[in-house]
Structure formats: C-alpha cells, structure tokens
Amino acid sequence: MIAVFSWTESLNEFVSSSLREMQI
C-alpha cells in the first residue's frame, strides 16, 4: 500500500512538472 502511494506521488510530481513546462 505504501509503495503504491509512493509511486502515485512520484507520478503526480512528474505530471506537474510536465504541465509546468508546457505552460511556459
């Protein structure tokens, strides 16, 4: 369960950074 949460958090961070780059 903890591993899934960690993976989801990593994915969320990756998506956030990607969206930020697209906006620039």
PDB file of N, CA and C in Angstrom:
ATOM      1  N   MET A   1       0.845  -1.208   0.000  1.00  0.00           N
ATOM      2  CA  MET A   1       0.000   0.000   0.000  1.00  0.00           C
ATOM      3  C   MET A   1       0.880   1.257   0.000  1.00  0.00           C
ATOM      4  N   ILE A   2       1.887   1.253   0.852  1.00  0.00           N
ATOM      5  CA  ILE A   2       2.779   2.414   0.918  1.00  0.00           C
ATOM      6  C   ILE A   2       3.523   2.582  -0.401  1.00  0.00           C
ATOM      7  N   ALA A   3       3.918   1.456  -1.002  1.00  0.00           N
ATOM      8  CA  ALA A   3       4.650   1.511  -2.274  1.00  0.00           C
ATOM      9  C   ALA A   3       3.780   2.153  -3.351  1.00  0.00           C
ATOM     10  N   VAL A   4       2.502   1.821  -3.352  1.00  0.00           N
ATOM     11  CA  VAL A   4       1.584   2.382  -4.348  1.00  0.00           C
ATOM     12  C   VAL A   4       1.466   3.890  -4.144  1.00  0.00           C
ATOM     13  N   PHE A   5       1.374   4.317  -2.897  1.00  0.00           N
ATOM     14  CA  PHE A   5       1.259   5.745  -2.608  1.00  0.00           C
ATOM     15  C   PHE A   5       2.512   6.477  -3.068  1.00  0.00           C
ATOM     16  N   SER A   6       3.671   5.887  -2.811  1.00  0.00           N
ATOM     17  CA  SER A   6       4.939   6.499  -3.209  1.00  0.00           C
ATOM     18  C   SER A   6       5.009   6.632  -4.723  1.00  0.00           C
ATOM     19  N   TRP A   7       4.580   5.575  -5.440  1.00  0.00           N
ATOM     20  CA  TRP A   7       4.608   5.593  -6.910  1.00  0.00           C
ATOM     21  C   TRP A   7       3.651   6.657  -7.437  1.00  0.00           C
ATOM     22  N   THR A   8       2.483   6.745  -6.817  1.00  0.00           N
ATOM     23  CA  THR A   8       1.493   7.735  -7.250  1.00  0.00           C
ATOM     24  C   THR A   8       2.021   9.147  -7.028  1.00  0.00           C
ATOM     25  N   GLU A   9       2.702   9.356  -5.913  1.00  0.00           N
ATOM     26  CA  GLU A   9       3.238  10.683  -5.615  1.00  0.00           C
ATOM     27  C   GLU A   9       4.316  11.048  -6.626  1.00  0.00           C
ATOM     28  N   SER A  10       5.132  10.086  -7.002  1.00  0.00           N
ATOM     29  CA  SER A  10       6.185  10.335  -7.995  1.00  0.00           C
ATOM     30  C   SER A  10       5.559  10.678  -9.344  1.00  0.00           C
ATOM     31  N   LEU A  11       4.513   9.938  -9.701  1.00  0.00           N
ATOM     32  CA  LEU A  11       3.839  10.180 -10.978  1.00  0.00           C
ATOM     33  C   LEU A  11       3.199  11.567 -10.976  1.00  0.00           C
ATOM     34  N   ASN A  12       2.569  11.921  -9.864  1.00  0.00           N
ATOM     35  CA  ASN A  12       1.922  13.228  -9.757  1.00  0.00           C
ATOM     36  C   ASN A  12       2.945  14.351  -9.907  1.00  0.00           C
ATOM     37  N   GLU A  13       4.117  14.155  -9.313  1.00  0.00           N
ATOM     38  CA  GLU A  13       5.164  15.172  -9.399  1.00  0.00           C
ATOM     39  C   GLU A  13       5.652  15.303 -10.834  1.00  0.00           C
ATOM     40  N   PHE A  14       5.765  14.175 -11.526  1.00  0.00           N
ATOM     41  CA  PHE A  14       6.216  14.185 -12.918  1.00  0.00           C
ATOM     42  C   PHE A  14       5.201  14.913 -13.802  1.00  0.00           C
ATOM     43  N   VAL A  15       3.929  14.641 -13.597  1.00  0.00           N
ATOM     44  CA  VAL A  15       2.875  15.285 -14.384  1.00  0.00           C
ATOM     45  C   VAL A  15       2.861  16.790 -14.112  1.00  0.00           C
ATOM     46  N   SER A  16       3.026  17.162 -12.858  1.00  0.00           N
ATOM     47  CA  SER A  16       3.013  18.583 -12.507  1.00  0.00           C
ATOM     48  C   SER A  16       4.142  19.322 -13.204  1.00  0.00           C
ATOM     49  N   SER A  17       5.337  18.735 -13.191  1.00  0.00           N
ATOM     50  CA  SER A  17       6.478  19.385 -13.840  1.00  0.00           C
ATOM     51  C   SER A  17       6.267  19.448 -15.348  1.00  0.00           C
ATOM     52  N   SER A  18       5.660  18.422 -15.917  1.00  0.00           N
ATOM     53  CA  SER A  18       5.419  18.401 -17.365  1.00  0.00           C
ATOM     54  C   SER A  18       4.435  19.505 -17.748  1.00  0.00           C
ATOM     55  N   LEU A  19       3.381  19.655 -16.971  1.00  0.00           N
ATOM     56  CA  LEU A  19       2.393  20.693 -17.257  1.00  0.00           C
ATOM     57  C   LEU A  19       3.031  22.067 -17.136  1.00  0.00           C
ATOM     58  N   ARG A  20       3.917  22.222 -16.167  1.00  0.00           N
ATOM     59  CA  ARG A  20       4.579  23.498 -15.959  1.00  0.00           C
ATOM     60  C   ARG A  20       5.426  23.849 -17.185  1.00  0.00           C
ATOM     61  N   GLU A  21       6.118  22.862 -17.732  1.00  0.00           N
ATOM     62  CA  GLU A  21       6.960  23.109 -18.907  1.00  0.00           C
ATOM     63  C   GLU A  21       6.102  23.450 -20.124  1.00  0.00           C
ATOM     64  N   MET A  22       4.950  22.828 -20.233  1.00  0.00           N
ATOM     65  CA  MET A  22       4.072  23.091 -21.376  1.00  0.00           C
ATOM     66  C   MET A  22       3.515  24.515 -21.318  1.00  0.00           C
ATOM     67  N   GLN A  23       3.253  25.010 -20.117  1.00  0.00           N
ATOM     68  CA  GLN A  23       2.684  26.352 -19.980  1.00  0.00           C
ATOM     69  C   GLN A  23       3.688  27.421 -20.382  1.00  0.00           C
ATOM     70  N   ILE A  24       4.978  27.155 -20.175  1.00  0.00           N
ATOM     71  CA  ILE A  24       5.999  28.157 -20.498  1.00  0.00           C
ATOM     72  C   ILE A  24       6.118  28.313 -22.007  1.00  0.00           C
TER      73      ILE A  24
END
